[in-house]
């Protein structure tokens, strides 16, 4: 795996699980918008919106609420309910 792909995967993991934790504990879920926008762009390029089964460990894409920030959009792309 090329280094840039590995780095983007780790960044996605960190941002997504930080969002999960913030959401679960009632904390603010938005952070650095540029980092989340970059991560979302990479996720959209690498992870197909459908079908998501087999080895893809994400649920179906969820429609983010109107005006959702990039972290909520990333969470929705990865199948989480923002």
N, C-alpha and C. Protein backbone atom coordinates (compact mmCIF):
# COMPACT_ATOMS: atom_id res chain seq x y z
N UNK A 1 0.85 -1.16 0.00
CA UNK A 1 0.00 0.00 0.00
C UNK A 1 0.90 1.23 0.00
N UNK A 2 0.66 2.17 -0.92
CA UNK A 2 1.45 3.41 -0.92
C UNK A 2 1.26 4.19 0.39
N UNK A 3 2.30 4.89 0.79
CA UNK A 3 2.26 5.64 2.04
C UNK A 3 1.12 6.63 2.14
N UNK A 4 0.83 7.35 1.05
CA UNK A 4 -0.25 8.35 1.11
C UNK A 4 -1.61 7.69 1.34
N UNK A 5 -1.79 6.47 0.82
CA UNK A 5 -3.05 5.76 1.05
C UNK A 5 -3.13 5.31 2.50
N UNK A 6 -2.02 4.80 3.03
CA UNK A 6 -1.99 4.37 4.43
C UNK A 6 -2.26 5.55 5.36
N UNK A 7 -1.64 6.69 5.10
CA UNK A 7 -1.86 7.87 5.93
C UNK A 7 -3.32 8.31 5.87
N UNK A 8 -3.90 8.35 4.67
CA UNK A 8 -5.30 8.78 4.56
C UNK A 8 -6.23 7.81 5.28
N UNK A 9 -5.92 6.52 5.25
CA UNK A 9 -6.74 5.54 5.96
C UNK A 9 -6.68 5.76 7.47
N UNK A 10 -5.49 6.02 7.98
CA UNK A 10 -5.36 6.27 9.42
C UNK A 10 -6.04 7.57 9.83
N UNK A 11 -5.91 8.59 9.01
CA UNK A 11 -6.59 9.86 9.31
C UNK A 11 -8.10 9.66 9.33
N UNK A 12 -8.60 8.90 8.35
CA UNK A 12 -10.04 8.62 8.32
C UNK A 12 -10.48 7.88 9.58
N UNK A 13 -9.71 6.89 9.98
CA UNK A 13 -10.02 6.15 11.21
C UNK A 13 -10.08 7.07 12.42
N UNK A 14 -9.05 7.90 12.56
CA UNK A 14 -8.99 8.80 13.71
C UNK A 14 -10.15 9.79 13.73
N UNK A 15 -10.41 10.42 12.59
CA UNK A 15 -11.50 11.40 12.55
C UNK A 15 -12.85 10.75 12.79
N UNK A 16 -13.05 9.59 12.19
CA UNK A 16 -14.35 8.91 12.32
C UNK A 16 -14.60 8.47 13.75
N UNK A 17 -13.60 7.87 14.37
CA UNK A 17 -13.81 7.40 15.74
C UNK A 17 -13.84 8.56 16.74
N UNK A 18 -13.14 9.64 16.44
CA UNK A 18 -13.27 10.84 17.27
C UNK A 18 -14.69 11.39 17.16
N UNK A 19 -15.24 11.38 15.95
CA UNK A 19 -16.63 11.82 15.76
C UNK A 19 -17.58 10.92 16.55
N UNK A 20 -17.37 9.60 16.45
CA UNK A 20 -18.20 8.64 17.20
C UNK A 20 -18.19 8.95 18.69
N UNK A 21 -17.01 9.16 19.23
CA UNK A 21 -16.87 9.42 20.67
C UNK A 21 -17.52 10.75 21.04
N UNK A 22 -17.29 11.78 20.25
CA UNK A 22 -17.90 13.08 20.53
C UNK A 22 -19.42 12.99 20.46
N UNK A 23 -19.93 12.31 19.45
CA UNK A 23 -21.38 12.14 19.29
C UNK A 23 -21.97 11.40 20.49
N UNK A 24 -21.30 10.33 20.91
CA UNK A 24 -21.81 9.51 22.02
C UNK A 24 -21.78 10.23 23.36
N UNK A 25 -20.87 11.18 23.52
CA UNK A 25 -20.73 11.87 24.81
C UNK A 25 -21.30 13.29 24.81
N UNK A 26 -21.96 13.66 23.70
CA UNK A 26 -22.58 14.98 23.64
C UNK A 26 -21.62 16.13 23.46
N UNK A 27 -20.43 15.84 22.94
CA UNK A 27 -19.43 16.88 22.71
C UNK A 27 -19.56 17.42 21.28
N UNK A 28 -18.96 18.57 21.00
CA UNK A 28 -18.97 19.08 19.62
C UNK A 28 -18.32 18.06 18.68
N UNK A 29 -18.93 17.85 17.53
CA UNK A 29 -18.44 16.83 16.60
C UNK A 29 -17.65 17.40 15.43
N UNK A 30 -17.58 18.70 15.31
CA UNK A 30 -16.84 19.30 14.19
C UNK A 30 -15.50 19.83 14.70
N UNK A 31 -14.47 19.60 13.90
CA UNK A 31 -13.13 20.07 14.21
C UNK A 31 -12.58 20.84 13.03
N UNK A 32 -11.35 20.56 12.65
CA UNK A 32 -10.69 21.22 11.53
C UNK A 32 -11.44 20.90 10.23
N UNK A 33 -12.11 21.88 9.64
CA UNK A 33 -12.93 21.60 8.45
C UNK A 33 -12.10 21.19 7.23
N UNK A 34 -10.89 21.72 7.08
CA UNK A 34 -10.07 21.36 5.92
C UNK A 34 -9.64 19.90 5.98
N UNK A 35 -9.27 19.43 7.16
CA UNK A 35 -8.86 18.04 7.32
C UNK A 35 -10.02 17.10 7.04
N UNK A 36 -11.18 17.44 7.57
CA UNK A 36 -12.36 16.58 7.34
C UNK A 36 -12.78 16.61 5.87
N UNK A 37 -12.71 17.76 5.21
CA UNK A 37 -13.08 17.86 3.80
C UNK A 37 -12.13 17.02 2.94
N UNK A 38 -10.83 17.08 3.26
CA UNK A 38 -9.85 16.25 2.53
C UNK A 38 -10.14 14.77 2.73
N UNK A 39 -10.40 14.39 3.97
CA UNK A 39 -10.67 12.99 4.30
C UNK A 39 -11.94 12.52 3.61
N UNK A 40 -12.96 13.36 3.59
CA UNK A 40 -14.21 13.01 2.92
C UNK A 40 -13.98 12.82 1.42
N UNK A 41 -13.20 13.68 0.80
CA UNK A 41 -12.91 13.56 -0.63
C UNK A 41 -12.20 12.23 -0.92
N UNK A 42 -11.24 11.86 -0.08
CA UNK A 42 -10.53 10.59 -0.26
C UNK A 42 -11.50 9.43 -0.06
N UNK A 43 -12.33 9.48 0.97
CA UNK A 43 -13.28 8.40 1.24
C UNK A 43 -14.25 8.22 0.08
N UNK A 44 -14.71 9.32 -0.49
CA UNK A 44 -15.63 9.22 -1.63
C UNK A 44 -14.95 8.61 -2.85
N UNK A 45 -13.66 8.85 -2.99
CA UNK A 45 -12.93 8.28 -4.12
C UNK A 45 -12.65 6.80 -3.92
N UNK A 46 -12.39 6.39 -2.69
CA UNK A 46 -11.97 5.02 -2.42
C UNK A 46 -13.14 4.09 -2.09
N UNK A 47 -14.10 4.59 -1.32
CA UNK A 47 -15.21 3.74 -0.87
C UNK A 47 -16.44 3.96 -1.75
N UNK A 48 -16.89 2.93 -2.42
CA UNK A 48 -18.07 3.09 -3.26
C UNK A 48 -19.31 3.33 -2.40
N UNK A 49 -20.27 4.10 -2.93
CA UNK A 49 -21.49 4.33 -2.15
C UNK A 49 -22.33 3.07 -2.01
N UNK A 50 -22.23 2.17 -2.99
CA UNK A 50 -22.95 0.91 -2.93
C UNK A 50 -22.33 -0.05 -3.92
N UNK A 51 -22.50 -1.28 -3.86
CA UNK A 51 -23.00 -1.99 -2.68
C UNK A 51 -21.91 -2.05 -1.61
N UNK A 52 -22.34 -2.10 -0.40
CA UNK A 52 -21.40 -2.18 0.72
C UNK A 52 -21.69 -3.45 1.50
N UNK A 53 -21.05 -4.47 1.11
CA UNK A 53 -21.16 -5.74 1.83
C UNK A 53 -19.86 -6.49 1.65
N UNK A 54 -19.74 -7.60 2.26
CA UNK A 54 -18.49 -8.35 2.14
C UNK A 54 -17.39 -7.73 2.97
N UNK A 55 -16.31 -7.34 2.32
CA UNK A 55 -15.15 -6.83 3.03
C UNK A 55 -15.20 -5.34 3.32
N UNK A 56 -16.21 -4.63 2.86
CA UNK A 56 -16.34 -3.20 3.14
C UNK A 56 -17.00 -3.04 4.51
N UNK A 57 -16.26 -2.54 5.51
CA UNK A 57 -16.78 -2.52 6.88
C UNK A 57 -17.65 -1.30 7.21
N UNK A 58 -18.41 -0.81 6.24
CA UNK A 58 -19.23 0.37 6.48
C UNK A 58 -20.66 0.10 6.05
N UNK A 59 -21.58 0.70 6.77
CA UNK A 59 -22.99 0.59 6.41
C UNK A 59 -23.27 1.46 5.18
N UNK A 60 -24.50 1.42 4.71
CA UNK A 60 -24.90 2.24 3.58
C UNK A 60 -24.72 3.71 3.89
N UNK A 61 -24.52 4.48 2.83
CA UNK A 61 -24.40 5.93 2.97
C UNK A 61 -25.72 6.48 3.53
N UNK A 62 -25.60 7.39 4.48
CA UNK A 62 -26.75 8.06 5.10
C UNK A 62 -26.79 9.49 4.58
N UNK A 63 -27.97 10.00 4.34
CA UNK A 63 -28.11 11.39 3.89
C UNK A 63 -27.82 12.33 5.07
N UNK A 64 -26.80 13.17 4.96
CA UNK A 64 -26.53 14.09 6.08
C UNK A 64 -27.60 15.17 6.15
N UNK A 65 -27.82 15.72 7.32
CA UNK A 65 -28.83 16.77 7.45
C UNK A 65 -28.40 18.02 6.67
N UNK A 66 -29.36 18.83 6.27
CA UNK A 66 -29.01 20.08 5.56
C UNK A 66 -28.05 20.92 6.40
N UNK A 67 -27.04 21.46 5.75
CA UNK A 67 -26.08 22.31 6.44
C UNK A 67 -25.07 21.56 7.28
N UNK A 68 -25.00 20.23 7.12
CA UNK A 68 -24.07 19.43 7.92
C UNK A 68 -22.63 19.83 7.60
N UNK A 69 -21.80 19.87 8.62
CA UNK A 69 -20.39 20.16 8.45
C UNK A 69 -19.66 18.97 7.86
N UNK A 70 -18.38 19.14 7.54
CA UNK A 70 -17.64 18.06 6.90
C UNK A 70 -17.47 16.81 7.76
N UNK A 71 -17.42 16.95 9.06
CA UNK A 71 -17.31 15.76 9.91
C UNK A 71 -18.60 14.96 9.87
N UNK A 72 -19.74 15.63 9.93
CA UNK A 72 -21.02 14.94 9.84
C UNK A 72 -21.20 14.33 8.45
N UNK A 73 -20.73 15.01 7.42
CA UNK A 73 -20.81 14.45 6.07
C UNK A 73 -19.95 13.20 5.95
N UNK A 74 -18.76 13.23 6.54
CA UNK A 74 -17.89 12.06 6.53
C UNK A 74 -18.55 10.91 7.28
N UNK A 75 -19.10 11.20 8.44
CA UNK A 75 -19.78 10.16 9.22
C UNK A 75 -20.92 9.55 8.41
N UNK A 76 -21.69 10.39 7.73
CA UNK A 76 -22.81 9.91 6.92
C UNK A 76 -22.31 9.04 5.76
N UNK A 77 -21.21 9.45 5.12
CA UNK A 77 -20.66 8.65 4.02
C UNK A 77 -20.23 7.27 4.50
N UNK A 78 -19.80 7.21 5.75
CA UNK A 78 -19.35 5.94 6.32
C UNK A 78 -20.50 5.17 6.99
N UNK A 79 -21.73 5.64 6.81
CA UNK A 79 -22.90 4.89 7.27
C UNK A 79 -23.37 5.22 8.66
N UNK A 80 -22.86 6.30 9.23
CA UNK A 80 -23.29 6.69 10.58
C UNK A 80 -24.41 7.72 10.48
N UNK A 81 -25.25 7.75 11.48
CA UNK A 81 -26.37 8.69 11.52
C UNK A 81 -25.94 9.97 12.24
N UNK A 82 -25.70 11.05 11.48
CA UNK A 82 -25.28 12.30 12.14
C UNK A 82 -26.41 12.94 12.94
